[in-house]
Amino acid sequence: MLSWRYIEPYLPPRGTVLDVGGERGKWAIPIAECGLEGVLYDLSKGTREVSRRKIRERGLEEPISLVQGDIHKTAFPDGRFDFVPAEGVIDTLH
């Protein structure tokens, strides 16, 4: 399991992060609190709603976008993101 101490040292000083399988903002929220923009990308409507509430409570609506989608079918162009934590979803990509 990833932890913040493994992620934080690799964050770019500025840029956009794609949080795949957002887990209710587990990574998108602390990443936005570091000053980065984020896209929380998740298939589950329920997860996104919980994330939306947490993001609103912390006043992070500006730097974090919520996007519904299947990681197997993204429409993001290559090079769009500067960092992509994807805990628990990489093993499903086969």
C-alpha atoms as a PDB file:
ATOM      1  CA  MET A   1       0.000   0.000   0.000  1.00  0.00           C
ATOM      2  CA  LEU A   2       1.272   3.425  -0.937  1.00  0.00           C
ATOM      3  CA  SER A   3       1.764   6.011   1.743  1.00  0.00           C
ATOM      4  CA  TRP A   4       2.267   9.754   1.635  1.00  0.00           C
ATOM      5  CA  ARG A   5       5.953   9.450   2.525  1.00  0.00           C
ATOM      6  CA  TYR A   6       6.518   7.557  -0.746  1.00  0.00           C
ATOM      7  CA  ILE A   7       4.491   9.936  -2.885  1.00  0.00           C
ATOM      8  CA  GLU A   8       5.430  13.381  -1.571  1.00  0.00           C
ATOM      9  CA  PRO A   9       9.133  13.308  -2.564  1.00  0.00           C
ATOM     10  CA  TYR A  10       8.188  12.627  -6.203  1.00  0.00           C
ATOM     11  CA  LEU A  11       5.597  15.363  -6.610  1.00  0.00           C
ATOM     12  CA  PRO A  12       6.590  18.005  -9.129  1.00  0.00           C
ATOM     13  CA  PRO A  13       6.968  21.564  -7.798  1.00  0.00           C
ATOM     14  CA  ARG A  14       4.023  22.568 -10.010  1.00  0.00           C
ATOM     15  CA  GLY A  15       1.770  20.860 -12.506  1.00  0.00           C
ATOM     16  CA  THR A  16      -1.228  18.593 -12.747  1.00  0.00           C
ATOM     17  CA  VAL A  17      -1.717  15.219 -11.109  1.00  0.00           C
ATOM     18  CA  LEU A  18      -4.094  12.478 -12.218  1.00  0.00           C
ATOM     19  CA  ASP A  19      -5.424  10.570  -9.212  1.00  0.00           C
ATOM     20  CA  VAL A  20      -6.691   7.323 -10.746  1.00  0.00           C
ATOM     21  CA  GLY A  21      -9.296   5.452  -8.687  1.00  0.00           C
ATOM     22  CA  GLY A  22      -9.571   8.465  -6.392  1.00  0.00           C
ATOM     23  CA  GLU A  23     -10.465   6.630  -3.168  1.00  0.00           C
ATOM     24  CA  ARG A  24     -12.517   9.537  -1.851  1.00  0.00           C
ATOM     25  CA  GLY A  25      -9.715  12.037  -2.370  1.00  0.00           C
ATOM     26  CA  LYS A  26      -7.024  10.050  -0.586  1.00  0.00           C
ATOM     27  CA  TRP A  27      -4.259  11.496  -2.788  1.00  0.00           C
ATOM     28  CA  ALA A  28      -5.985  14.344  -4.651  1.00  0.00           C
ATOM     29  CA  ILE A  29      -6.668  16.316  -1.467  1.00  0.00           C
ATOM     30  CA  PRO A  30      -3.144  16.320   0.022  1.00  0.00           C
ATOM     31  CA  ILE A  31      -1.679  16.878  -3.440  1.00  0.00           C
ATOM     32  CA  ALA A  32      -3.897  19.953  -3.924  1.00  0.00           C
ATOM     33  CA  GLU A  33      -2.920  21.158  -0.450  1.00  0.00           C
ATOM     34  CA  CYS A  34       0.684  21.100  -1.735  1.00  0.00           C
ATOM     35  CA  GLY A  35      -0.329  23.610  -4.411  1.00  0.00           C
ATOM     36  CA  LEU A  36      -0.778  21.287  -7.385  1.00  0.00           C
ATOM     37  CA  GLU A  37      -3.806  20.922  -9.622  1.00  0.00           C
ATOM     38  CA  GLY A  38      -5.475  17.541  -9.660  1.00  0.00           C
ATOM     39  CA  VAL A  39      -7.937  15.434 -11.560  1.00  0.00           C
ATOM     40  CA  LEU A  40      -9.637  12.805  -9.427  1.00  0.00           C
ATOM     41  CA  TYR A  41     -10.640  10.129 -11.925  1.00  0.00           C
ATOM     42  CA  ASP A  42     -12.985   7.407 -10.720  1.00  0.00           C
ATOM     43  CA  LEU A  43     -15.628   5.123 -12.166  1.00  0.00           C
ATOM     44  CA  SER A  44     -17.817   5.079  -9.039  1.00  0.00           C
ATOM     45  CA  LYS A  45     -20.431   7.813  -8.668  1.00  0.00           C
ATOM     46  CA  GLY A  46     -20.612   7.162  -4.910  1.00  0.00           C
ATOM     47  CA  THR A  47     -16.880   7.604  -4.461  1.00  0.00           C
ATOM     48  CA  ARG A  48     -16.928  10.841  -6.430  1.00  0.00           C
ATOM     49  CA  GLU A  49     -19.786  12.211  -4.298  1.00  0.00           C
ATOM     50  CA  VAL A  50     -17.872  11.509  -1.077  1.00  0.00           C
ATOM     51  CA  SER A  51     -14.785  13.091  -2.669  1.00  0.00           C
ATOM     52  CA  ARG A  52     -16.795  16.140  -3.750  1.00  0.00           C
ATOM     53  CA  ARG A  53     -17.997  16.688  -0.185  1.00  0.00           C
ATOM     54  CA  LYS A  54     -14.482  16.355   1.286  1.00  0.00           C
ATOM     55  CA  ILE A  55     -13.034  18.666  -1.369  1.00  0.00           C
ATOM     56  CA  ARG A  56     -15.715  21.283  -0.698  1.00  0.00           C
ATOM     57  CA  GLU A  57     -15.142  21.075   3.092  1.00  0.00           C
ATOM     58  CA  ARG A  58     -11.462  21.903   2.537  1.00  0.00           C
ATOM     59  CA  GLY A  59     -12.124  24.650  -0.019  1.00  0.00           C
ATOM     60  CA  LEU A  60     -10.256  22.806  -2.780  1.00  0.00           C
ATOM     61  CA  GLU A  61     -12.858  22.998  -5.570  1.00  0.00           C
ATOM     62  CA  GLU A  62     -10.571  25.173  -7.683  1.00  0.00           C
ATOM     63  CA  PRO A  63      -7.491  22.930  -7.930  1.00  0.00           C
ATOM     64  CA  ILE A  64      -9.326  19.561  -8.049  1.00  0.00           C
ATOM     65  CA  SER A  65     -11.563  18.394 -10.886  1.00  0.00           C
ATOM     66  CA  LEU A  66     -13.743  15.312 -10.539  1.00  0.00           C
ATOM     67  CA  VAL A  67     -14.049  13.176 -13.649  1.00  0.00           C
ATOM     68  CA  GLN A  68     -16.028   9.972 -14.074  1.00  0.00           C
ATOM     69  CA  GLY A  69     -14.510   7.371 -16.305  1.00  0.00           C
ATOM     70  CA  ASP A  70     -13.027   3.981 -16.895  1.00  0.00           C
ATOM     71  CA  ILE A  71      -9.223   3.926 -16.807  1.00  0.00           C
ATOM     72  CA  HIS A  72      -9.302   1.542 -19.758  1.00  0.00           C
ATOM     73  CA  LYS A  73     -10.912   4.250 -21.922  1.00  0.00           C
ATOM     74  CA  THR A  74      -9.446   7.637 -21.028  1.00  0.00           C
ATOM     75  CA  ALA A  75      -9.447  10.503 -23.485  1.00  0.00           C
ATOM     76  CA  PHE A  76      -6.544  12.367 -21.889  1.00  0.00           C
ATOM     77  CA  PRO A  77      -3.742  13.266 -24.299  1.00  0.00           C
ATOM     78  CA  ASP A  78      -0.227  11.950 -23.709  1.00  0.00           C
ATOM     79  CA  GLY A  79       1.830  14.216 -21.504  1.00  0.00           C
ATOM     80  CA  ARG A  80      -1.248  15.854 -19.925  1.00  0.00           C
ATOM     81  CA  PHE A  81      -0.217  14.931 -16.368  1.00  0.00           C
ATOM     82  CA  ASP A  82       2.987  15.470 -14.446  1.00  0.00           C
ATOM     83  CA  PHE A  83       2.381  12.694 -11.907  1.00  0.00           C
ATOM     84  CA  VAL A  84      -0.057   9.761 -11.680  1.00  0.00           C
ATOM     85  CA  PRO A  85      -0.536   7.856  -8.412  1.00  0.00           C
ATOM     86  CA  ALA A  86      -2.724   4.828  -9.144  1.00  0.00           C
ATOM     87  CA  GLU A  87      -2.934   2.698  -6.044  1.00  0.00           C
ATOM     88  CA  GLY A  88      -4.939  -0.472  -6.462  1.00  0.00           C
ATOM     89  CA  VAL A  89      -5.848   0.010 -10.127  1.00  0.00           C
ATOM     90  CA  ILE A  90      -2.660  -0.837 -11.998  1.00  0.00           C
ATOM     91  CA  ASP A  91      -3.055  -4.558 -11.417  1.00  0.00           C
ATOM     92  CA  THR A  92      -6.452  -4.430 -13.175  1.00  0.00           C
ATOM     93  CA  LEU A  93      -5.035  -3.044 -16.411  1.00  0.00           C
ATOM     94  CA  HIS A  94      -4.534  -6.282 -18.331  1.00  0.00           C
END
